[in-house]
């Protein structure tokens, strides 16, 4: 089963939260992370209501938790509970979750790299990043967006193009 298939029983409108590890997890570490998150998802509740949820790891770097409550939203406290579960797993795996404002992209050799926004801007100006560079958008909100390929796209078709003026730098 590929990583996104682990989320197959949830509808497209399910919320997703994506967290990025500071390093690549090997297959054993990714499996242990999924086991931790599965244990959390089994009992996840938000204001006493069960959350239908599932979790996966994509590319050994991205922890994804997806969830939904029928006719409702997952509360802030419910979201906080998922963050605590991630933090407990990270502690065991000796991994850190990167800041939300980091930029994640795929190098030409396929390696996934995460940098600060100022560093990404420098890479754009140096010609190392272009509109065809594959970037990861951890701000997507729904499982449908993940399934539709909105998570990894060429930078020129994402918010990165506007924020870092990729098209202007290629002229």
Protein backbone atom coordinates (compact mmCIF):
# COMPACT_ATOMS: atom_id res chain seq x y z
CA UNK A 1 0.00 0.00 0.00
CA UNK A 2 1.49 3.38 -0.95
CA UNK A 3 1.46 6.15 1.59
CA UNK A 4 -1.58 8.04 0.29
CA UNK A 5 -3.61 4.82 0.08
CA UNK A 6 -3.43 4.69 3.89
CA UNK A 7 -5.89 7.60 3.78
CA UNK A 8 -8.27 5.99 1.29
CA UNK A 9 -11.20 5.54 3.68
CA UNK A 10 -11.54 9.27 4.31
CA UNK A 11 -13.49 11.68 2.10
CA UNK A 12 -11.85 14.43 0.04
CA UNK A 13 -13.15 17.16 2.36
CA UNK A 14 -11.17 15.73 5.31
CA UNK A 15 -8.73 18.22 6.81
CA UNK A 16 -5.03 17.48 6.51
CA UNK A 17 -2.11 18.63 8.58
CA UNK A 18 1.38 18.13 7.21
CA UNK A 19 4.52 18.23 9.35
CA UNK A 20 8.04 18.06 7.95
CA UNK A 21 10.86 16.17 9.61
CA UNK A 22 14.28 17.78 9.75
CA UNK A 23 15.80 14.70 8.11
CA UNK A 24 14.72 11.74 6.04
CA UNK A 25 13.33 8.85 8.00
CA UNK A 26 14.38 5.38 6.97
CA UNK A 27 11.68 2.79 6.30
CA UNK A 28 11.80 1.44 9.87
CA UNK A 29 11.52 4.93 11.40
CA UNK A 30 8.68 5.90 9.07
CA UNK A 31 6.85 2.70 10.06
CA UNK A 32 7.31 3.46 13.77
CA UNK A 33 6.00 7.00 13.21
CA UNK A 34 2.94 5.63 11.41
CA UNK A 35 2.35 3.16 14.25
CA UNK A 36 2.44 5.99 16.79
CA UNK A 37 0.05 8.07 14.72
CA UNK A 38 -2.26 5.12 14.08
CA UNK A 39 -2.51 4.55 17.84
CA UNK A 40 -3.41 8.21 18.28
CA UNK A 41 -5.94 8.18 15.42
CA UNK A 42 -7.71 5.14 16.88
CA UNK A 43 -8.77 7.12 19.94
CA UNK A 44 -8.77 10.69 18.58
CA UNK A 45 -11.69 12.70 19.88
CA UNK A 46 -12.59 16.37 19.60
CA UNK A 47 -14.96 17.71 22.26
CA UNK A 48 -16.02 14.16 22.99
CA UNK A 49 -16.79 13.32 19.38
CA UNK A 50 -14.75 10.67 17.55
CA UNK A 51 -12.56 11.87 14.70
CA UNK A 52 -12.45 9.61 11.64
CA UNK A 53 -8.77 9.80 10.84
CA UNK A 54 -5.67 8.20 9.43
CA UNK A 55 -2.01 9.07 9.12
CA UNK A 56 0.88 8.37 6.80
CA UNK A 57 4.43 9.39 5.97
CA UNK A 58 5.23 10.62 2.48
CA UNK A 59 8.74 10.52 1.01
CA UNK A 60 10.17 9.72 4.45
CA UNK A 61 9.91 13.42 5.37
CA UNK A 62 6.26 14.46 5.54
CA UNK A 63 3.98 13.25 8.33
CA UNK A 64 0.36 13.63 7.26
CA UNK A 65 -2.64 13.39 9.55
CA UNK A 66 -6.08 13.53 7.96
CA UNK A 67 -9.33 13.70 9.85
CA UNK A 68 -12.99 14.63 9.79
CA UNK A 69 -15.99 14.80 12.05
CA UNK A 70 -19.41 14.31 10.54
CA UNK A 71 -21.27 17.63 10.46
CA UNK A 72 -18.57 19.47 12.36
CA UNK A 73 -15.04 20.72 12.65
CA UNK A 74 -12.13 19.42 14.66
CA UNK A 75 -11.56 21.82 17.55
CA UNK A 76 -8.34 23.58 18.42
CA UNK A 77 -7.98 21.24 21.37
CA UNK A 78 -8.39 18.28 19.03
CA UNK A 79 -5.69 19.64 16.74
CA UNK A 80 -3.42 20.28 19.73
CA UNK A 81 -3.84 16.63 20.74
CA UNK A 82 -2.56 15.55 17.31
CA UNK A 83 0.47 17.85 17.67
CA UNK A 84 1.24 16.33 21.08
CA UNK A 85 1.07 12.84 19.54
CA UNK A 86 3.48 13.93 16.80
CA UNK A 87 5.84 15.45 19.34
CA UNK A 88 5.90 12.26 21.42
CA UNK A 89 6.73 10.22 18.33
CA UNK A 90 9.41 12.71 17.26
CA UNK A 91 11.06 12.46 20.66
CA UNK A 92 11.31 8.69 20.37
CA UNK A 93 12.65 8.91 16.81
CA UNK A 94 15.07 11.77 17.61
CA UNK A 95 13.59 13.95 14.89
CA UNK A 96 12.47 17.57 14.96
CA UNK A 97 9.51 19.10 13.12
CA UNK A 98 10.55 22.03 10.94
CA UNK A 99 8.99 25.49 11.28
CA UNK A 100 5.80 26.06 9.29
CA UNK A 101 7.42 28.83 7.22
CA UNK A 102 10.24 26.66 5.85
CA UNK A 103 10.22 26.00 2.10
CA UNK A 104 10.55 22.42 0.85
CA UNK A 105 11.70 21.49 -2.63
CA UNK A 106 13.16 18.62 -4.62
CA UNK A 107 16.76 18.97 -5.79
CA UNK A 108 17.64 17.85 -9.32
CA UNK A 109 18.96 14.56 -7.92
CA UNK A 110 15.59 13.91 -6.22
CA UNK A 111 16.72 14.82 -2.70
CA UNK A 112 14.15 16.76 -0.68
CA UNK A 113 15.60 19.88 0.87
CA UNK A 114 14.10 22.29 3.38
CA UNK A 115 15.35 25.86 3.78
CA UNK A 116 14.22 29.15 5.29
CA UNK A 117 12.38 31.59 3.05
CA UNK A 118 15.41 33.95 2.87
CA UNK A 119 17.62 31.01 1.85
CA UNK A 120 15.08 29.94 -0.80
CA UNK A 121 15.08 33.50 -2.17
CA UNK A 122 18.90 33.38 -2.41
CA UNK A 123 18.67 30.09 -4.31
CA UNK A 124 16.18 31.70 -6.72
CA UNK A 125 18.49 34.66 -7.34
CA UNK A 126 21.45 32.31 -7.81
CA UNK A 127 19.50 30.44 -10.51
CA UNK A 128 19.35 27.19 -8.52
CA UNK A 129 15.53 27.35 -8.24
CA UNK A 130 13.27 27.96 -11.23
CA UNK A 131 9.61 27.73 -12.08
CA UNK A 132 10.14 24.06 -12.95
CA UNK A 133 11.62 23.16 -9.56
CA UNK A 134 9.32 20.79 -7.72
CA UNK A 135 8.07 22.28 -4.43
CA UNK A 136 5.93 20.92 -1.62
CA UNK A 137 2.98 22.95 -0.35
CA UNK A 138 2.46 21.99 3.28
CA UNK A 139 -0.33 24.57 3.56
CA UNK A 140 -2.87 22.50 1.66
CA UNK A 141 -6.03 22.07 3.72
CA UNK A 142 -7.88 19.02 2.43
CA UNK A 143 -7.27 15.43 1.53
CA UNK A 144 -8.76 16.16 -1.89
CA UNK A 145 -5.96 18.66 -2.55
CA UNK A 146 -3.41 16.00 -1.61
CA UNK A 147 -5.07 13.46 -3.89
CA UNK A 148 -5.28 15.99 -6.73
CA UNK A 149 -1.51 16.53 -6.72
CA UNK A 150 -1.53 19.97 -5.08
CA UNK A 151 1.07 18.88 -2.53
CA UNK A 152 4.00 18.55 -4.97
CA UNK A 153 3.98 20.75 -8.06
CA UNK A 154 6.33 22.83 -10.22
CA UNK A 155 7.04 26.06 -8.34
CA UNK A 156 5.73 28.12 -11.27
CA UNK A 157 2.19 26.86 -10.66
CA UNK A 158 2.14 27.55 -6.91
CA UNK A 159 2.23 30.46 -4.49
CA UNK A 160 6.05 30.17 -4.63
CA UNK A 161 5.98 31.79 -8.08
CA UNK A 162 4.34 34.96 -6.75
CA UNK A 163 6.14 35.06 -3.40
CA UNK A 164 9.61 34.60 -4.86
CA UNK A 165 9.03 36.18 -8.28
CA UNK A 166 10.25 33.06 -10.10
CA UNK A 167 8.85 34.08 -13.48
CA UNK A 168 10.48 37.52 -13.20
CA UNK A 169 13.85 35.97 -12.29
CA UNK A 170 13.80 33.81 -15.44
CA UNK A 171 13.37 36.71 -17.88
